Amino acid sequence: GNKPRVGDNIGLWLDKLVQRDRRTGALEKGGRERAFRVFCDRWKCPAAQHALERRREGLKTTKALFKVFTARLDSPLMVDHGRAVATEVSLSFHPIYGTPRIPGTALKGATRAWLEAEGAIESVPWLFGDTANEGHLVMHEALPVDGAFALALDVLTPHHKDYYEGREPPADWLSPEPHTFLTVVETTFEFCVEVETRAKDDEARCEREHDRAVEALQNALEVNGVGGKTSSGYGRFRDFNEVRP
């Protein structure tokens, strides 16, 4: 069929199977909203939950300190929005499970920005490393709990499109042009923050820095957000709950 079903790899559908012009390979003019609307629903991939469970089991066999917690989206989420795809806009999806994901690099960057804003000058190089030392922090990608997620249509309306594209100066007579895109909404993600422990490390400091990293990430998710358009309130989280392995 020409519509995805529950259990399909939604990321693959968006990248390869969304309806578009057969000759040009692009979305038909005026067809962006129509093409995206079929994805605006609730989806589920149980295999993603199995991956989260395997991750927790694997961490229990290591000597690393780790904490797993969940948090629910409080505003729409956009990650990897500008990736080059036929639809011009995208989201970050897991290549195997097809669920939205938040890469560990994005979470690490949000955590570091929060710590630097706090002035944690000793924690930052210890957690993230520097030119002389390897960092201790490992930030795993976040995936939806139970593999369940929802997508919704959003819109951005540039008022000076020709100006942004370098064709003419900004002016009042330029027409606004609605630009639709997909966001992740009403979804609970599972996060995992790990600190590697080494033979020469002070155990008390490892625990202290691990707690600081978890707190910084949660504060960043709640206050600053993660992903794109955070300055407009996107990517905020609430309802943080620890998951016991």
Protein backbone atom coordinates (compact mmCIF):
# COMPACT_ATOMS: atom_id res chain seq x y z
CA GLY A 1 0.00 0.00 0.00
CA ASN A 2 0.94 3.66 -0.08
CA LYS A 3 0.53 4.23 3.66
CA PRO A 4 2.62 2.94 6.57
CA ARG A 5 1.15 0.56 9.11
CA VAL A 6 1.88 0.01 12.80
CA GLY A 7 5.03 -2.07 13.02
CA ASP A 8 6.56 -0.60 9.84
CA ASN A 9 9.90 1.19 9.89
CA ILE A 10 8.56 4.75 9.87
CA GLY A 11 12.00 6.27 9.36
CA LEU A 12 12.48 4.18 6.21
CA TRP A 13 9.03 5.19 4.99
CA LEU A 14 9.86 8.87 5.34
CA ASP A 15 13.24 8.56 3.66
CA LYS A 16 12.36 6.23 0.79
CA LEU A 17 8.65 5.58 0.42
CA VAL A 18 6.87 8.89 0.90
CA GLN A 19 4.87 9.76 -2.20
CA ARG A 20 6.63 12.18 -4.56
CA ASP A 21 6.87 13.10 -8.20
CA ARG A 22 8.08 10.09 -10.22
CA ARG A 23 10.00 12.25 -12.70
CA THR A 24 11.84 14.63 -10.36
CA GLY A 25 11.89 12.55 -7.17
CA ALA A 26 10.75 15.59 -5.18
CA LEU A 27 7.51 16.21 -3.38
CA GLU A 28 4.83 17.47 -5.69
CA LYS A 29 4.20 21.20 -5.44
CA GLY A 30 1.68 21.77 -2.68
CA GLY A 31 1.84 18.11 -1.71
CA ARG A 32 4.07 18.39 1.36
CA GLU A 33 1.25 18.54 3.87
CA ARG A 34 -0.65 15.76 2.13
CA ALA A 35 2.45 13.53 2.09
CA PHE A 36 3.28 14.14 5.74
CA ARG A 37 -0.25 13.85 7.08
CA VAL A 38 -0.31 10.05 6.68
CA PHE A 39 2.45 9.89 9.30
CA CYS A 40 0.54 11.93 11.89
CA ASP A 41 -0.52 9.11 14.17
CA ARG A 42 0.61 6.92 17.05
CA TRP A 43 3.13 4.21 16.19
CA LYS A 44 4.80 1.34 18.02
CA CYS A 45 7.85 -0.88 17.52
CA PRO A 46 8.21 -3.50 20.32
CA ALA A 47 11.75 -4.35 19.15
CA ALA A 48 12.90 -0.92 20.36
CA GLN A 49 11.81 -1.76 23.91
CA HIS A 50 13.73 -5.04 23.71
CA ALA A 51 16.81 -3.02 22.73
CA LEU A 52 16.42 -0.83 25.82
CA GLU A 53 16.12 -3.90 28.04
CA ARG A 54 19.22 -5.46 26.49
CA ARG A 55 21.12 -2.24 27.07
CA ARG A 56 20.24 -2.25 30.76
CA GLU A 57 21.22 -5.91 31.12
CA GLY A 58 24.52 -5.24 29.42
CA LEU A 59 25.35 -2.31 31.68
CA LYS A 60 24.76 -4.43 34.80
CA THR A 61 27.67 -6.67 33.77
CA THR A 62 30.13 -3.74 33.64
CA LYS A 63 31.83 -1.81 36.42
CA ALA A 64 30.55 1.49 35.07
CA LEU A 65 28.22 3.75 37.00
CA PHE A 66 24.96 4.29 35.14
CA LYS A 67 21.50 5.67 35.67
CA VAL A 68 18.45 5.06 33.53
CA PHE A 69 15.46 7.39 33.63
CA THR A 70 12.44 8.28 31.54
CA ALA A 71 11.06 11.69 30.66
CA ARG A 72 8.01 12.79 28.68
CA LEU A 73 7.98 15.41 25.96
CA ASP A 74 6.46 18.69 27.08
CA SER A 75 6.76 20.31 23.64
CA PRO A 76 7.37 19.11 20.06
CA LEU A 77 10.77 17.56 19.34
CA MET A 78 12.89 18.09 16.23
CA VAL A 79 16.26 16.34 15.87
CA ASP A 80 18.30 16.21 12.64
CA HIS A 81 15.74 18.45 10.98
CA GLY A 82 18.06 19.64 8.20
CA ARG A 83 19.35 16.25 7.06
CA ALA A 84 19.49 15.95 3.26
CA VAL A 85 16.43 13.92 2.18
CA ALA A 86 13.92 14.11 -0.64
CA THR A 87 11.32 15.69 1.64
CA GLU A 88 13.79 18.52 2.50
CA VAL A 89 13.03 18.18 6.22
CA SER A 90 13.53 15.17 8.43
CA LEU A 91 13.69 13.69 11.91
CA SER A 92 16.30 11.43 13.44
CA PHE A 93 15.06 7.83 13.27
CA HIS A 94 16.80 4.67 14.42
CA PRO A 95 17.97 2.88 11.25
CA ILE A 96 16.85 -0.56 12.47
CA TYR A 97 13.74 0.08 14.56
CA GLY A 98 12.42 3.12 12.73
CA THR A 99 11.56 4.94 15.96
CA PRO A 100 12.57 8.54 16.70
CA ARG A 101 15.81 8.81 18.63
CA ILE A 102 17.90 11.47 20.30
CA PRO A 103 21.58 10.77 19.56
CA GLY A 104 23.97 10.58 22.47
CA THR A 105 26.02 13.37 20.90
CA ALA A 106 23.05 15.75 21.15
CA LEU A 107 22.47 14.82 24.79
CA LYS A 108 26.17 15.15 25.55
CA GLY A 109 26.25 18.62 24.01
CA ALA A 110 23.21 19.72 26.02
CA THR A 111 24.81 18.40 29.23
CA ARG A 112 28.12 20.11 28.57
CA ALA A 113 26.45 23.42 27.76
CA TRP A 114 24.57 23.30 31.07
CA LEU A 115 27.71 22.48 33.09
CA GLU A 116 29.72 25.21 31.38
CA ALA A 117 26.96 27.71 32.10
CA GLU A 118 27.15 26.64 35.76
CA GLY A 119 30.89 27.19 35.76
CA ALA A 120 31.74 23.55 36.54
CA ILE A 121 35.33 24.01 35.38
CA GLU A 122 36.59 20.81 37.06
CA SER A 123 33.74 18.55 35.97
CA VAL A 124 33.79 19.40 32.26
CA PRO A 125 37.29 18.09 31.37
CA TRP A 126 36.86 15.06 33.66
CA LEU A 127 33.55 14.07 32.07
CA PHE A 128 34.17 15.09 28.47
CA GLY A 129 37.96 14.86 28.20
CA ASP A 130 40.52 17.35 26.90
CA THR A 131 43.71 17.29 24.86
CA ALA A 132 45.53 15.34 27.58
CA ASN A 133 42.88 13.01 29.01
CA GLU A 134 40.04 10.80 27.83
CA GLY A 135 36.61 11.69 29.15
CA HIS A 136 34.59 9.41 31.44
CA LEU A 137 31.06 10.24 30.29
CA VAL A 138 29.16 7.94 27.94
CA MET A 139 25.76 9.24 26.84
CA HIS A 140 23.56 6.61 25.20
CA GLU A 141 20.96 7.48 22.59
CA ALA A 142 17.42 7.98 23.88
CA LEU A 143 14.63 5.82 22.46
CA PRO A 144 10.85 5.81 23.05
CA VAL A 145 9.63 3.65 25.94
CA ASP A 146 7.87 0.52 24.63
CA GLY A 147 8.83 1.69 21.15
CA ALA A 148 5.70 3.87 21.23
CA PHE A 149 5.70 7.37 19.75
CA ALA A 150 3.47 9.92 18.05
CA LEU A 151 4.13 12.26 15.14
CA ALA A 152 2.31 15.50 14.43
CA LEU A 153 2.35 18.14 11.72
CA ASP A 154 3.83 21.56 12.47
CA VAL A 155 4.33 24.65 10.37
CA LEU A 156 6.94 27.37 9.97
CA THR A 157 6.00 30.45 7.92
CA PRO A 158 8.94 32.50 6.61
CA HIS A 159 7.79 35.99 5.61
CA HIS A 160 10.83 36.85 3.50
CA LYS A 161 11.67 33.63 1.65
CA ASP A 162 13.16 35.41 -1.38
CA TYR A 163 15.41 37.44 0.92
CA TYR A 164 16.64 34.35 2.79
CA GLU A 165 17.43 32.71 -0.54
CA GLY A 166 19.39 35.77 -1.66
CA ARG A 167 17.08 36.79 -4.49
CA GLU A 168 15.96 40.24 -3.29
CA PRO A 169 16.00 42.55 -0.25
CA PRO A 170 13.42 42.05 2.53
CA ALA A 171 10.18 43.93 1.89
CA ASP A 172 6.63 44.14 3.19
CA TRP A 173 5.14 42.97 -0.10
CA LEU A 174 6.85 39.56 -0.01
CA SER A 175 4.30 36.81 0.62
CA PRO A 176 4.55 34.43 3.60
CA GLU A 177 4.98 30.81 2.57
CA PRO A 178 3.88 28.07 5.04
CA HIS A 179 6.45 25.29 5.39
CA THR A 180 5.10 22.09 6.96
CA PHE A 181 7.20 19.49 8.75
CA LEU A 182 6.85 16.60 11.20
CA THR A 183 7.64 16.66 14.91
CA VAL A 184 7.63 14.05 17.67
CA VAL A 185 4.94 14.71 20.32
CA GLU A 186 3.41 13.11 23.41
CA THR A 187 6.23 10.57 23.67
CA THR A 188 8.19 9.23 26.65
CA PHE A 189 11.87 8.56 26.05
CA GLU A 190 14.31 6.45 28.03
CA PHE A 191 17.73 7.99 28.75
CA CYS A 192 20.90 6.35 30.03
CA VAL A 193 23.87 8.23 31.51
CA GLU A 194 27.04 6.19 32.09
CA VAL A 195 30.37 7.08 33.68
CA GLU A 196 33.27 4.74 33.03
CA THR A 197 35.35 3.90 36.09
CA ARG A 198 39.06 3.15 35.83
CA ALA A 199 41.54 1.59 38.23
CA LYS A 200 43.20 4.89 39.17
CA ASP A 201 39.92 6.79 39.64
CA ASP A 202 38.68 7.96 43.01
CA GLU A 203 35.39 6.14 43.64
CA ALA A 204 33.79 9.04 45.49
CA ARG A 205 34.58 11.43 42.66
CA CYS A 206 33.17 9.04 40.06
CA GLU A 207 29.87 8.92 41.94
CA ARG A 208 29.85 12.69 42.44
CA GLU A 209 30.54 13.45 38.79
CA HIS A 210 28.01 10.90 37.63
CA ASP A 211 25.29 12.48 39.77
CA ARG A 212 26.30 15.90 38.46
CA ALA A 213 26.05 14.74 34.84
CA VAL A 214 22.60 13.22 35.37
CA GLU A 215 21.35 16.36 37.10
CA ALA A 216 22.80 18.59 34.36
CA LEU A 217 21.16 16.53 31.60
CA GLN A 218 17.77 16.59 33.31
CA ASN A 219 18.00 20.33 33.89
CA ALA A 220 19.01 20.89 30.27
CA LEU A 221 16.11 18.76 29.00
CA GLU A 222 13.61 20.58 31.20
CA VAL A 223 14.84 24.16 30.82
CA ASN A 224 16.84 24.45 27.58
CA GLY A 225 15.46 21.60 25.52
CA VAL A 226 17.30 19.48 22.97
CA GLY A 227 17.28 19.34 19.17
CA GLY A 228 16.16 22.09 16.82
CA LYS A 229 14.18 25.29 17.52
CA THR A 230 14.87 25.14 21.26
CA SER A 231 14.85 28.95 21.31
CA SER A 232 11.18 28.68 20.29
CA GLY A 233 10.38 26.24 23.10
CA TYR A 234 10.84 22.94 21.27
CA GLY A 235 12.46 19.83 22.76
CA ARG A 236 11.46 20.36 26.41
CA PHE A 237 10.85 17.41 28.76
CA ARG A 238 9.04 16.82 32.07
CA ASP A 239 8.08 13.96 34.43
CA PHE A 240 11.53 12.49 35.14
CA ASN A 241 11.41 9.01 36.66
CA GLU A 242 14.30 6.68 37.45
CA VAL A 243 14.16 3.17 35.99
CA ARG A 244 15.52 0.43 38.24
CA PRO A 245 17.52 -2.16 36.26
